[in-house]
């Protein structure tokens, strides 16, 4: 029997060398250590995470600064609305000829002229003109005065210019480049008589 075994070894030494290797066994520790360590399904270490660019995440909500600015803007809008409403109520409180005095401005007609320091005004309409307001513009600045504030305006009629009434007086406008003449009406309110300036489109511009 020993002889037969020896014959097998001498006949097939390759098979013998292969048969001596372990089958279906894991590699020894030394072999495992010689293999490159490749992480599987593991998160990157802290050093790798720090090397990545920081990408901001989408976060909802507003910063305190933006919130404060929005609140201030909202307060300003509310105050403006209240102011306009209050001014409208005050204007509606003044009437003339049984209607809002602002509507009466549409019926005012007058003529105005200025020459050599003298201003002339004539009421060509049916609405009495209580006084006139003069807006003098110099460069980008302007100043507004009542006709009675000028020395030459002292002769203005106390009750104003009725239909067909005229006025002429000397006024000092300084270095003003132009004058805007606006009629002033007087109406009735809950507190008594009240004046109202028909400004804007109702005024007449005069060159100086």
N, C-alpha and C. Protein backbone atom coordinates (compact mmCIF):
# COMPACT_ATOMS: atom_id res chain seq x y z
N UNK A 1 0.83 -1.20 0.00
CA UNK A 1 0.00 0.00 0.00
C UNK A 1 0.85 1.24 0.00
N UNK A 2 1.91 1.23 0.75
CA UNK A 2 2.81 2.37 0.78
C UNK A 2 3.44 2.57 -0.57
N UNK A 3 3.70 1.51 -1.24
CA UNK A 3 4.28 1.59 -2.57
C UNK A 3 3.33 2.23 -3.55
N UNK A 4 2.05 1.88 -3.43
CA UNK A 4 1.06 2.47 -4.32
C UNK A 4 0.96 3.97 -4.07
N UNK A 5 1.02 4.38 -2.82
CA UNK A 5 0.93 5.80 -2.50
C UNK A 5 2.12 6.55 -3.05
N UNK A 6 3.27 5.93 -2.96
CA UNK A 6 4.45 6.58 -3.51
C UNK A 6 4.36 6.73 -5.01
N UNK A 7 3.79 5.71 -5.65
CA UNK A 7 3.63 5.81 -7.10
C UNK A 7 2.72 6.97 -7.49
N UNK A 8 1.65 7.17 -6.71
CA UNK A 8 0.75 8.28 -7.01
C UNK A 8 1.43 9.62 -6.84
N UNK A 9 2.28 9.71 -5.84
CA UNK A 9 2.96 10.99 -5.59
C UNK A 9 3.94 11.30 -6.69
N UNK A 10 4.67 10.26 -7.12
CA UNK A 10 5.66 10.48 -8.17
C UNK A 10 5.03 10.72 -9.51
N UNK A 11 3.87 10.12 -9.76
CA UNK A 11 3.22 10.31 -11.05
C UNK A 11 2.61 11.69 -11.19
N UNK A 12 2.02 12.21 -10.18
CA UNK A 12 1.28 13.49 -10.30
C UNK A 12 1.66 14.44 -9.18
N UNK A 13 2.87 14.97 -9.22
CA UNK A 13 3.27 15.88 -8.14
C UNK A 13 2.47 17.18 -8.15
N UNK A 14 2.00 17.65 -9.34
CA UNK A 14 1.21 18.90 -9.39
C UNK A 14 -0.07 18.78 -8.63
N UNK A 15 -0.72 17.59 -8.81
CA UNK A 15 -1.98 17.38 -8.10
C UNK A 15 -1.75 17.36 -6.62
N UNK A 16 -0.59 16.82 -6.24
CA UNK A 16 -0.32 16.77 -4.81
C UNK A 16 -0.12 18.18 -4.25
N UNK A 17 0.62 19.02 -5.01
CA UNK A 17 0.84 20.38 -4.52
C UNK A 17 -0.44 21.17 -4.45
N UNK A 18 -1.34 20.90 -5.38
CA UNK A 18 -2.63 21.60 -5.33
C UNK A 18 -3.51 21.10 -4.21
N UNK A 19 -3.41 19.78 -3.98
CA UNK A 19 -4.26 19.20 -2.94
C UNK A 19 -3.87 19.65 -1.57
N UNK A 20 -2.61 20.12 -1.44
CA UNK A 20 -2.17 20.57 -0.13
C UNK A 20 -2.70 21.96 0.22
N UNK A 21 -3.17 22.69 -0.81
CA UNK A 21 -3.73 24.02 -0.53
C UNK A 21 -5.10 23.91 0.09
N UNK A 22 -5.41 24.77 1.03
CA UNK A 22 -6.75 24.69 1.67
C UNK A 22 -7.83 25.12 0.68
N UNK A 23 -8.95 24.42 0.76
CA UNK A 23 -10.08 24.71 -0.10
C UNK A 23 -11.20 25.34 0.71
N UNK A 24 -11.84 26.34 0.00
CA UNK A 24 -13.00 27.00 0.61
C UNK A 24 -12.67 27.58 1.97
N UNK A 25 -11.53 28.16 2.06
CA UNK A 25 -11.14 28.82 3.30
C UNK A 25 -10.75 30.27 3.01
N UNK A 26 -10.96 31.06 4.00
CA UNK A 26 -10.64 32.48 3.82
C UNK A 26 -9.15 32.70 3.84
N UNK A 27 -8.69 33.77 3.22
CA UNK A 27 -7.26 34.09 3.15
C UNK A 27 -6.74 34.41 4.52
N UNK A 28 -5.47 34.11 4.78
CA UNK A 28 -4.90 34.43 6.09
C UNK A 28 -4.85 35.94 6.29
N UNK A 29 -4.57 36.34 7.55
CA UNK A 29 -4.54 37.78 7.89
C UNK A 29 -3.50 38.53 7.11
N UNK A 30 -2.34 37.87 6.85
CA UNK A 30 -1.30 38.55 6.11
C UNK A 30 -1.74 38.87 4.69
N UNK A 31 -2.51 37.96 4.09
CA UNK A 31 -3.00 38.20 2.74
C UNK A 31 -4.05 39.30 2.72
N UNK A 32 -4.86 39.26 3.79
CA UNK A 32 -5.88 40.31 3.85
C UNK A 32 -5.26 41.69 3.97
N UNK A 33 -4.22 41.80 4.75
CA UNK A 33 -3.58 43.10 4.95
C UNK A 33 -2.90 43.60 3.70
N UNK A 34 -2.49 42.64 2.82
CA UNK A 34 -1.81 43.08 1.61
C UNK A 34 -2.75 43.64 0.56
N UNK A 35 -4.06 43.42 0.72
CA UNK A 35 -5.04 43.94 -0.22
C UNK A 35 -5.35 45.40 0.09
N UNK A 36 -5.61 46.20 -0.93
CA UNK A 36 -5.96 47.61 -0.67
C UNK A 36 -7.30 47.72 0.04
N UNK A 37 -7.33 48.59 1.02
CA UNK A 37 -8.55 48.76 1.79
C UNK A 37 -9.49 49.71 1.05
N UNK A 38 -10.59 49.18 0.57
CA UNK A 38 -11.56 49.99 -0.17
C UNK A 38 -12.85 50.03 0.65
N UNK A 39 -13.22 51.19 1.14
CA UNK A 39 -14.45 51.25 1.96
C UNK A 39 -15.68 50.96 1.12
N UNK A 40 -16.56 50.19 1.69
CA UNK A 40 -17.80 49.83 1.01
C UNK A 40 -18.99 50.42 1.77
N UNK A 41 -19.74 51.25 1.01
CA UNK A 41 -20.98 51.81 1.58
C UNK A 41 -20.74 52.49 2.92
N UNK A 42 -19.69 53.25 2.99
CA UNK A 42 -19.39 53.96 4.22
C UNK A 42 -19.31 55.46 3.91
N UNK A 43 -19.69 56.23 4.86
CA UNK A 43 -19.63 57.68 4.65
C UNK A 43 -18.20 58.16 4.69
N UNK A 44 -17.92 59.29 4.04
CA UNK A 44 -16.57 59.82 3.98
C UNK A 44 -16.12 60.28 5.35
N UNK A 45 -14.83 60.17 5.65
CA UNK A 45 -14.33 60.65 6.95
C UNK A 45 -14.48 62.15 7.07
N UNK A 46 -14.22 62.65 8.27
CA UNK A 46 -14.39 64.08 8.53
C UNK A 46 -13.50 64.93 7.66
N UNK A 47 -12.25 64.45 7.41
CA UNK A 47 -11.34 65.24 6.57
C UNK A 47 -11.88 65.38 5.16
N UNK A 48 -12.50 64.33 4.64
CA UNK A 48 -13.05 64.39 3.28
C UNK A 48 -14.27 65.30 3.25
N UNK A 49 -15.04 65.23 4.34
CA UNK A 49 -16.22 66.10 4.37
C UNK A 49 -15.83 67.57 4.39
N UNK A 50 -14.78 67.90 5.12
CA UNK A 50 -14.36 69.29 5.20
C UNK A 50 -13.83 69.81 3.88
N UNK A 51 -13.30 68.90 3.05
CA UNK A 51 -12.75 69.34 1.77
C UNK A 51 -13.81 69.61 0.74
N UNK A 52 -15.04 69.17 0.98
CA UNK A 52 -16.11 69.39 0.03
C UNK A 52 -16.62 70.82 0.14
N UNK A 53 -17.02 71.44 -0.96
CA UNK A 53 -17.55 72.81 -0.90
C UNK A 53 -18.86 72.84 -0.13
N UNK A 54 -19.01 73.90 0.63
CA UNK A 54 -20.23 74.04 1.41
C UNK A 54 -21.35 74.56 0.52
N UNK A 55 -22.39 73.80 0.37
CA UNK A 55 -23.52 74.15 -0.48
C UNK A 55 -24.67 74.55 0.42
N UNK A 56 -25.14 75.80 0.32
CA UNK A 56 -26.24 76.22 1.21
C UNK A 56 -27.51 75.45 0.92
N UNK A 57 -28.17 75.11 1.96
CA UNK A 57 -29.44 74.40 1.82
C UNK A 57 -30.59 75.39 1.70
N UNK A 58 -31.61 74.96 1.02
CA UNK A 58 -32.79 75.81 0.88
C UNK A 58 -33.54 75.84 2.19
N UNK A 59 -33.58 76.99 2.77
CA UNK A 59 -34.28 77.12 4.04
C UNK A 59 -35.38 78.16 3.90
N UNK A 60 -36.49 77.88 4.44
CA UNK A 60 -37.63 78.80 4.38
C UNK A 60 -37.51 79.81 5.50
N UNK A 61 -38.22 80.95 5.34
CA UNK A 61 -38.20 81.97 6.36
C UNK A 61 -37.43 83.19 5.92
N UNK A 62 -37.61 84.31 6.63
CA UNK A 62 -36.96 85.57 6.31
C UNK A 62 -36.01 85.95 7.43
N UNK A 63 -34.96 86.62 7.07
CA UNK A 63 -34.00 87.07 8.07
C UNK A 63 -34.61 88.21 8.88
N UNK A 64 -34.11 88.45 10.08
CA UNK A 64 -34.66 89.53 10.91
C UNK A 64 -34.55 90.90 10.26
N UNK A 65 -33.48 91.14 9.49
CA UNK A 65 -33.32 92.45 8.84
C UNK A 65 -34.41 92.68 7.80
N UNK A 66 -34.66 91.66 6.96
CA UNK A 66 -35.69 91.80 5.94
C UNK A 66 -37.07 91.96 6.59
N UNK A 67 -37.31 91.21 7.65
CA UNK A 67 -38.59 91.32 8.35
C UNK A 67 -38.80 92.73 8.90
N UNK A 68 -37.73 93.30 9.48
CA UNK A 68 -37.84 94.66 10.03
C UNK A 68 -38.12 95.68 8.94
N UNK A 69 -37.43 95.56 7.80
CA UNK A 69 -37.65 96.49 6.69
C UNK A 69 -39.09 96.39 6.17
N UNK A 70 -39.60 95.17 6.05
CA UNK A 70 -40.97 95.00 5.58
C UNK A 70 -41.98 95.60 6.55
N UNK A 71 -41.73 95.44 7.85
CA UNK A 71 -42.64 96.00 8.84
C UNK A 71 -42.64 97.53 8.78
N UNK A 72 -41.44 98.12 8.63
CA UNK A 72 -41.36 99.58 8.53
C UNK A 72 -42.09 100.09 7.29
N UNK A 73 -41.89 99.40 6.16
CA UNK A 73 -42.58 99.79 4.93
C UNK A 73 -44.10 99.68 5.09
N UNK A 74 -44.54 98.62 5.76
CA UNK A 74 -45.99 98.44 5.97
C UNK A 74 -46.56 99.55 6.84
N UNK A 75 -45.81 99.95 7.88
CA UNK A 75 -46.28 101.02 8.75
C UNK A 75 -46.37 102.34 7.98
N UNK A 76 -45.38 102.62 7.12
CA UNK A 76 -45.40 103.85 6.34
C UNK A 76 -46.61 103.88 5.39
N UNK A 77 -46.89 102.74 4.76
CA UNK A 77 -48.04 102.67 3.85
C UNK A 77 -49.34 102.92 4.61
N UNK A 78 -49.46 102.32 5.79
CA UNK A 78 -50.69 102.49 6.58
C UNK A 78 -50.86 103.95 7.00
N UNK A 79 -49.76 104.57 7.44
CA UNK A 79 -49.83 105.97 7.86
C UNK A 79 -50.21 106.86 6.67
N UNK A 80 -49.66 106.57 5.49
CA UNK A 80 -49.99 107.37 4.30
C UNK A 80 -51.47 107.24 3.95
N UNK A 81 -51.99 106.02 4.03
CA UNK A 81 -53.42 105.81 3.73
C UNK A 81 -54.30 106.58 4.71
N UNK A 82 -53.94 106.53 6.00
CA UNK A 82 -54.73 107.24 7.01
C UNK A 82 -54.66 108.75 6.78
N UNK A 83 -53.46 109.24 6.41
CA UNK A 83 -53.31 110.68 6.17
C UNK A 83 -54.15 111.14 4.99
N UNK A 84 -54.10 110.38 3.90
CA UNK A 84 -54.89 110.75 2.72
C UNK A 84 -56.39 110.69 3.03
N UNK A 85 -56.79 109.68 3.79
CA UNK A 85 -58.21 109.58 4.14
C UNK A 85 -58.64 110.74 5.01
N UNK A 86 -57.78 111.10 5.99
CA UNK A 86 -58.13 112.21 6.88
C UNK A 86 -58.18 113.52 6.11
N UNK A 87 -57.22 113.74 5.19
CA UNK A 87 -57.24 114.97 4.40
C UNK A 87 -58.48 115.06 3.53
N UNK A 88 -58.88 113.89 2.97
CA UNK A 88 -60.10 113.87 2.17
C UNK A 88 -61.33 114.21 3.00
N UNK A 89 -61.35 113.74 4.25
CA UNK A 89 -62.49 114.04 5.12
C UNK A 89 -62.55 115.53 5.44
N UNK A 90 -61.35 116.13 5.64
CA UNK A 90 -61.32 117.56 5.94
C UNK A 90 -61.81 118.36 4.74
N UNK A 91 -61.36 117.97 3.54
CA UNK A 91 -61.80 118.69 2.35
C UNK A 91 -63.30 118.55 2.12
N UNK A 92 -63.83 117.36 2.39
CA UNK A 92 -65.26 117.16 2.20
C UNK A 92 -66.07 117.95 3.20
N UNK A 93 -65.42 118.36 4.32
CA UNK A 93 -66.14 119.12 5.35
C UNK A 93 -66.36 120.56 4.97
N UNK A 94 -65.69 121.05 3.90
CA UNK A 94 -65.83 122.45 3.46
C UNK A 94 -66.71 122.47 2.21
N UNK A 95 -67.76 123.23 2.28
CA UNK A 95 -68.70 123.28 1.15
C UNK A 95 -68.90 124.73 0.70
N UNK A 96 -69.34 124.83 -0.55
CA UNK A 96 -69.69 126.15 -1.12
C UNK A 96 -70.75 125.92 -2.17
N UNK A 97 -71.79 126.69 -2.11
CA UNK A 97 -72.93 126.53 -3.01
C UNK A 97 -73.56 125.14 -2.85
N UNK A 98 -73.47 124.58 -1.64
CA UNK A 98 -74.11 123.29 -1.36
C UNK A 98 -73.36 122.08 -1.86
N UNK A 99 -72.08 122.22 -2.25
CA UNK A 99 -71.30 121.06 -2.70
C UNK A 99 -69.85 121.22 -2.24
N UNK A 100 -69.10 120.18 -2.43
CA UNK A 100 -67.70 120.19 -2.03
C UNK A 100 -66.99 121.37 -2.69
N UNK A 101 -66.25 122.11 -1.88
CA UNK A 101 -65.62 123.32 -2.40
C UNK A 101 -64.59 123.00 -3.49
N UNK A 102 -64.01 121.81 -3.45
CA UNK A 102 -63.05 121.44 -4.48
C UNK A 102 -63.71 121.37 -5.85
N UNK A 103 -64.96 120.97 -5.88
CA UNK A 103 -65.68 120.90 -7.15
C UNK A 103 -66.01 122.28 -7.69
N UNK A 104 -66.10 123.25 -6.80
CA UNK A 104 -66.41 124.61 -7.22
C UNK A 104 -65.24 125.22 -7.98
N UNK A 105 -64.04 124.72 -7.73
CA UNK A 105 -62.85 125.24 -8.43
C UNK A 105 -62.99 125.13 -9.94
N UNK A 106 -63.75 124.13 -10.40
CA UNK A 106 -63.94 123.96 -11.85
C UNK A 106 -64.70 125.14 -12.46
N UNK A 107 -65.45 125.86 -11.64
CA UNK A 107 -66.27 126.95 -12.16
C UNK A 107 -65.59 128.31 -12.05
N UNK A 108 -64.37 128.34 -11.51
CA UNK A 108 -63.67 129.61 -11.33
C UNK A 108 -62.99 130.01 -12.64
N UNK A 109 -63.17 131.27 -13.02
CA UNK A 109 -62.52 131.83 -14.21
C UNK A 109 -61.94 133.20 -13.86
N UNK A 110 -60.67 133.39 -14.21
CA UNK A 110 -60.06 134.69 -13.95
C UNK A 110 -58.90 134.90 -14.93
N UNK A 111 -58.47 136.14 -15.01
CA UNK A 111 -57.32 136.51 -15.84
C UNK A 111 -56.29 137.19 -14.96
N UNK A 112 -54.99 136.90 -15.23
CA UNK A 112 -53.91 137.50 -14.44
C UNK A 112 -52.77 137.89 -15.37
N UNK A 113 -52.08 138.97 -15.01
CA UNK A 113 -50.94 139.43 -15.79
C UNK A 113 -49.96 140.11 -14.85
N UNK A 114 -48.68 140.16 -15.30
CA UNK A 114 -47.63 140.80 -14.47
C UNK A 114 -46.71 141.58 -15.40
N UNK A 115 -46.43 142.83 -15.00
CA UNK A 115 -45.55 143.67 -15.82
C UNK A 115 -44.94 144.76 -14.95
N UNK A 116 -43.62 144.87 -15.00
CA UNK A 116 -42.89 145.94 -14.32
C UNK A 116 -43.23 146.02 -12.83
N UNK A 117 -43.35 144.87 -12.20
CA UNK A 117 -43.59 144.85 -10.75
C UNK A 117 -45.04 145.00 -10.35
N UNK A 118 -45.94 145.06 -11.33
CA UNK A 118 -47.37 145.24 -11.03
C UNK A 118 -48.15 144.02 -11.50
N UNK A 119 -48.99 143.50 -10.63
CA UNK A 119 -49.82 142.35 -10.97
C UNK A 119 -51.27 142.81 -11.09
N UNK A 120 -51.95 142.29 -12.12
CA UNK A 120 -53.36 142.65 -12.35
C UNK A 120 -54.18 141.38 -12.43
N UNK A 121 -55.33 141.38 -11.76
CA UNK A 121 -56.21 140.20 -11.70
C UNK A 121 -57.64 140.66 -11.95
N UNK A 122 -58.37 139.90 -12.77
CA UNK A 122 -59.78 140.20 -13.06
C UNK A 122 -60.59 138.91 -12.94
N UNK A 123 -61.71 138.98 -12.25
CA UNK A 123 -62.61 137.83 -12.10
C UNK A 123 -63.58 137.82 -13.27
N UNK A 124 -63.42 136.85 -14.16
CA UNK A 124 -64.27 136.78 -15.35
C UNK A 124 -65.34 135.70 -15.22
N UNK A 125 -65.45 135.09 -14.03
CA UNK A 125 -66.43 134.03 -13.84
C UNK A 125 -67.53 134.43 -12.88
N UNK A 126 -68.35 133.43 -12.48
CA UNK A 126 -69.47 133.69 -11.57
C UNK A 126 -69.13 133.39 -10.12
N UNK A 127 -67.97 132.76 -9.86
CA UNK A 127 -67.61 132.38 -8.49
C UNK A 127 -66.74 133.49 -7.88
N UNK A 128 -67.12 134.02 -6.72
CA UNK A 128 -66.30 135.05 -6.07
C UNK A 128 -64.92 134.49 -5.70
N UNK A 129 -63.89 135.27 -5.94
CA UNK A 129 -62.52 134.89 -5.58
C UNK A 129 -62.15 135.64 -4.31
N UNK A 130 -62.01 134.91 -3.23
CA UNK A 130 -61.77 135.54 -1.93
C UNK A 130 -60.39 136.20 -1.90
N UNK A 131 -59.37 135.47 -2.30
CA UNK A 131 -58.02 136.01 -2.44
C UNK A 131 -57.28 135.17 -3.48
N UNK A 132 -56.01 135.50 -3.70
CA UNK A 132 -55.18 134.69 -4.60
C UNK A 132 -53.87 134.36 -3.89
N UNK A 133 -53.32 133.21 -4.28
CA UNK A 133 -52.04 132.76 -3.74
C UNK A 133 -50.99 132.87 -4.84
N UNK A 134 -49.81 133.39 -4.50
CA UNK A 134 -48.73 133.58 -5.46
C UNK A 134 -47.56 132.64 -5.11
N UNK A 135 -47.22 131.77 -6.04
CA UNK A 135 -46.07 130.87 -5.86
C UNK A 135 -44.94 131.36 -6.75
N UNK A 136 -43.86 131.84 -6.14
CA UNK A 136 -42.73 132.41 -6.87
C UNK A 136 -41.61 131.38 -6.92
N UNK A 137 -41.14 131.10 -8.13
CA UNK A 137 -40.11 130.07 -8.34
C UNK A 137 -38.81 130.72 -8.75
N UNK A 138 -37.74 130.33 -8.04
CA UNK A 138 -36.38 130.79 -8.36
C UNK A 138 -35.47 129.57 -8.42
N UNK A 139 -35.00 129.26 -9.62
CA UNK A 139 -34.20 128.05 -9.76
C UNK A 139 -35.04 126.82 -9.45
N UNK A 140 -34.57 126.01 -8.51
CA UNK A 140 -35.35 124.83 -8.11
C UNK A 140 -36.15 125.06 -6.85
N UNK A 141 -36.14 126.27 -6.31
CA UNK A 141 -36.85 126.59 -5.07
C UNK A 141 -38.08 127.46 -5.37
N UNK A 142 -39.05 127.35 -4.47
CA UNK A 142 -40.24 128.19 -4.63
C UNK A 142 -40.74 128.64 -3.26
N UNK A 143 -41.47 129.74 -3.28
CA UNK A 143 -42.05 130.32 -2.07
C UNK A 143 -43.48 130.74 -2.37
N UNK A 144 -44.38 130.44 -1.45
CA UNK A 144 -45.79 130.75 -1.65
C UNK A 144 -46.24 131.81 -0.64
N UNK A 145 -46.92 132.82 -1.15
CA UNK A 145 -47.44 133.90 -0.30
C UNK A 145 -48.86 134.26 -0.71
N UNK A 146 -49.60 134.73 0.27
CA UNK A 146 -50.93 135.28 0.01
C UNK A 146 -50.76 136.69 -0.54
N UNK A 147 -51.68 137.10 -1.40
CA UNK A 147 -51.59 138.43 -2.02
C UNK A 147 -51.57 139.54 -0.96
N UNK A 148 -52.23 139.30 0.17
CA UNK A 148 -52.29 140.32 1.22
C UNK A 148 -50.98 140.44 2.00
N UNK A 149 -50.05 139.52 1.79
CA UNK A 149 -48.77 139.58 2.49
C UNK A 149 -47.80 140.57 1.81
N UNK A 150 -48.12 140.99 0.61
CA UNK A 150 -47.30 141.99 -0.09
C UNK A 150 -47.78 143.39 0.30
N UNK A 151 -46.86 144.33 0.22
CA UNK A 151 -47.23 145.71 0.57
C UNK A 151 -48.29 146.25 -0.39
N UNK A 152 -48.17 145.86 -1.68
CA UNK A 152 -49.15 146.34 -2.64
C UNK A 152 -50.46 145.59 -2.58
N UNK A 153 -50.52 144.52 -1.80
CA UNK A 153 -51.77 143.74 -1.70
C UNK A 153 -52.70 144.23 -0.61
N UNK A 154 -52.30 145.30 0.07
CA UNK A 154 -53.15 145.82 1.15
C UNK A 154 -54.45 146.40 0.61
N UNK A 155 -54.48 146.72 -0.67
CA UNK A 155 -55.69 147.27 -1.27
C UNK A 155 -56.62 146.18 -1.83
N UNK A 156 -56.29 144.94 -1.58
CA UNK A 156 -57.17 143.86 -2.04
C UNK A 156 -58.52 143.97 -1.32
N UNK A 157 -59.65 143.80 -2.04
CA UNK A 157 -60.98 143.94 -1.40
C UNK A 157 -61.16 142.95 -0.26
N UNK A 158 -61.76 143.40 0.81
CA UNK A 158 -61.96 142.55 2.00
C UNK A 158 -62.82 141.34 1.68
N UNK A 159 -63.85 141.51 0.88
CA UNK A 159 -64.74 140.41 0.54
C UNK A 159 -64.32 139.68 -0.75
N UNK A 160 -63.16 140.06 -1.30
CA UNK A 160 -62.67 139.39 -2.49
C UNK A 160 -63.19 140.03 -3.77
N UNK A 161 -62.91 139.39 -4.88
CA UNK A 161 -63.35 139.88 -6.19
C UNK A 161 -64.61 139.13 -6.60
N UNK A 162 -65.69 139.87 -6.70
CA UNK A 162 -66.92 139.28 -7.20
C UNK A 162 -66.88 139.24 -8.73
N UNK A 163 -67.96 138.81 -9.34
CA UNK A 163 -68.02 138.74 -10.80
C UNK A 163 -67.73 140.11 -11.43
N UNK A 164 -66.72 140.13 -12.33
CA UNK A 164 -66.36 141.37 -12.99
C UNK A 164 -65.39 142.23 -12.19
N UNK A 165 -65.04 141.85 -10.97
CA UNK A 165 -64.13 142.65 -10.13
C UNK A 165 -62.70 142.56 -10.62
N UNK A 166 -61.95 143.65 -10.38
CA UNK A 166 -60.55 143.70 -10.81
C UNK A 166 -59.67 144.18 -9.65
N UNK A 167 -58.37 143.87 -9.79
CA UNK A 167 -57.39 144.33 -8.80
C UNK A 167 -56.07 144.57 -9.50
N UNK A 168 -55.33 145.59 -9.04
CA UNK A 168 -54.01 145.89 -9.57
C UNK A 168 -53.17 146.42 -8.42
N UNK A 169 -51.98 145.86 -8.25
CA UNK A 169 -51.11 146.29 -7.15
C UNK A 169 -49.66 145.93 -7.43
N UNK A 170 -48.79 146.63 -6.72
CA UNK A 170 -47.35 146.42 -6.87
C UNK A 170 -46.88 145.34 -5.89
N UNK A 171 -46.12 144.40 -6.40
CA UNK A 171 -45.57 143.33 -5.55
C UNK A 171 -44.08 143.17 -5.86
N UNK A 172 -43.33 142.80 -4.83
CA UNK A 172 -41.89 142.57 -4.98
C UNK A 172 -41.64 141.06 -5.01
N UNK A 173 -41.27 140.55 -6.19
CA UNK A 173 -41.05 139.11 -6.35
C UNK A 173 -39.57 138.76 -6.33
N UNK A 174 -38.70 139.75 -6.09
CA UNK A 174 -37.27 139.49 -6.00
C UNK A 174 -36.71 138.99 -7.33
N UNK A 175 -35.95 137.90 -7.23
CA UNK A 175 -35.33 137.32 -8.44
C UNK A 175 -36.12 136.14 -8.99
N UNK A 176 -37.40 136.11 -8.70
CA UNK A 176 -38.23 134.99 -9.17
C UNK A 176 -38.27 134.95 -10.69
N UNK A 177 -38.29 133.73 -11.22
CA UNK A 177 -38.32 133.54 -12.67
C UNK A 177 -39.74 133.43 -13.21
N UNK A 178 -40.64 132.96 -12.38
CA UNK A 178 -42.04 132.85 -12.79
C UNK A 178 -42.93 132.90 -11.56
N UNK A 179 -44.21 133.19 -11.80
CA UNK A 179 -45.21 133.26 -10.73
C UNK A 179 -46.41 132.42 -11.14
N UNK A 180 -46.93 131.66 -10.21
CA UNK A 180 -48.16 130.90 -10.43
C UNK A 180 -49.24 131.49 -9.53
N UNK A 181 -50.29 131.99 -10.16
CA UNK A 181 -51.39 132.62 -9.43
C UNK A 181 -52.52 131.60 -9.29
N UNK A 182 -52.92 131.31 -8.04
CA UNK A 182 -53.99 130.34 -7.77
C UNK A 182 -55.11 131.02 -6.99
N UNK A 183 -56.36 130.81 -7.38
CA UNK A 183 -57.48 131.44 -6.67
C UNK A 183 -57.73 130.78 -5.31
N UNK A 184 -58.16 131.59 -4.37
CA UNK A 184 -58.52 131.10 -3.03
C UNK A 184 -60.00 131.36 -2.83
N UNK A 185 -60.75 130.30 -2.49
CA UNK A 185 -62.19 130.41 -2.22
C UNK A 185 -62.43 130.31 -0.72
N UNK A 186 -63.58 130.75 -0.29
CA UNK A 186 -63.97 130.63 1.11
C UNK A 186 -65.29 129.86 1.16
N UNK A 187 -65.31 128.86 2.03
CA UNK A 187 -66.51 128.02 2.16
C UNK A 187 -66.95 127.90 3.61
N UNK A 188 -67.86 126.98 3.82
CA UNK A 188 -68.43 126.78 5.15
C UNK A 188 -68.11 125.38 5.64
N UNK A 189 -67.69 125.29 6.90
CA UNK A 189 -67.43 124.00 7.54
C UNK A 189 -68.15 123.94 8.87
N UNK A 190 -67.99 122.83 9.56
CA UNK A 190 -68.65 122.68 10.85
C UNK A 190 -68.11 123.67 11.87
N UNK A 191 -66.88 124.17 11.63
CA UNK A 191 -66.26 125.11 12.56
C UNK A 191 -66.38 126.55 12.08
N UNK A 192 -67.10 126.78 11.00
CA UNK A 192 -67.29 128.13 10.51
C UNK A 192 -66.68 128.32 9.13
N UNK A 193 -66.25 129.53 8.83
CA UNK A 193 -65.68 129.83 7.53
C UNK A 193 -64.28 129.22 7.40
N UNK A 194 -63.98 128.74 6.16
CA UNK A 194 -62.68 128.12 5.92
C UNK A 194 -62.27 128.37 4.48
N UNK A 195 -60.99 128.73 4.29
CA UNK A 195 -60.49 129.01 2.95
C UNK A 195 -59.96 127.73 2.30
N UNK A 196 -59.95 127.76 0.97
CA UNK A 196 -59.47 126.62 0.21
C UNK A 196 -58.75 127.13 -1.03
N UNK A 197 -57.52 126.64 -1.28
CA UNK A 197 -56.74 127.06 -2.44
C UNK A 197 -57.00 126.12 -3.62
N UNK A 198 -57.42 126.68 -4.72
CA UNK A 198 -57.61 125.90 -5.95
C UNK A 198 -56.27 125.86 -6.68
N UNK A 199 -55.42 124.95 -6.27
CA UNK A 199 -54.09 124.87 -6.85
C UNK A 199 -54.04 123.95 -8.07
N UNK A 200 -52.80 123.67 -8.49
CA UNK A 200 -52.60 122.77 -9.61
C UNK A 200 -53.09 123.33 -10.93
N UNK A 201 -54.01 122.62 -11.56
CA UNK A 201 -54.49 122.99 -12.89
C UNK A 201 -55.31 124.28 -12.89
N UNK A 202 -55.72 124.72 -11.71
CA UNK A 202 -56.55 125.92 -11.65
C UNK A 202 -55.71 127.21 -11.59
N UNK A 203 -54.41 127.08 -11.43
CA UNK A 203 -53.55 128.26 -11.37
C UNK A 203 -53.11 128.72 -12.75
N UNK A 204 -52.64 129.96 -12.81
CA UNK A 204 -52.13 130.54 -14.06
C UNK A 204 -50.67 130.93 -13.85
N UNK A 205 -49.82 130.54 -14.81
CA UNK A 205 -48.39 130.84 -14.72
C UNK A 205 -48.07 132.13 -15.46
N UNK A 206 -47.32 132.99 -14.78
CA UNK A 206 -46.93 134.28 -15.33
C UNK A 206 -45.41 134.37 -15.40
N UNK A 207 -44.90 134.83 -16.53
CA UNK A 207 -43.46 135.04 -16.67
C UNK A 207 -43.08 136.37 -16.05
N UNK A 208 -41.91 136.40 -15.44
CA UNK A 208 -41.45 137.64 -14.78
C UNK A 208 -40.41 138.31 -15.66
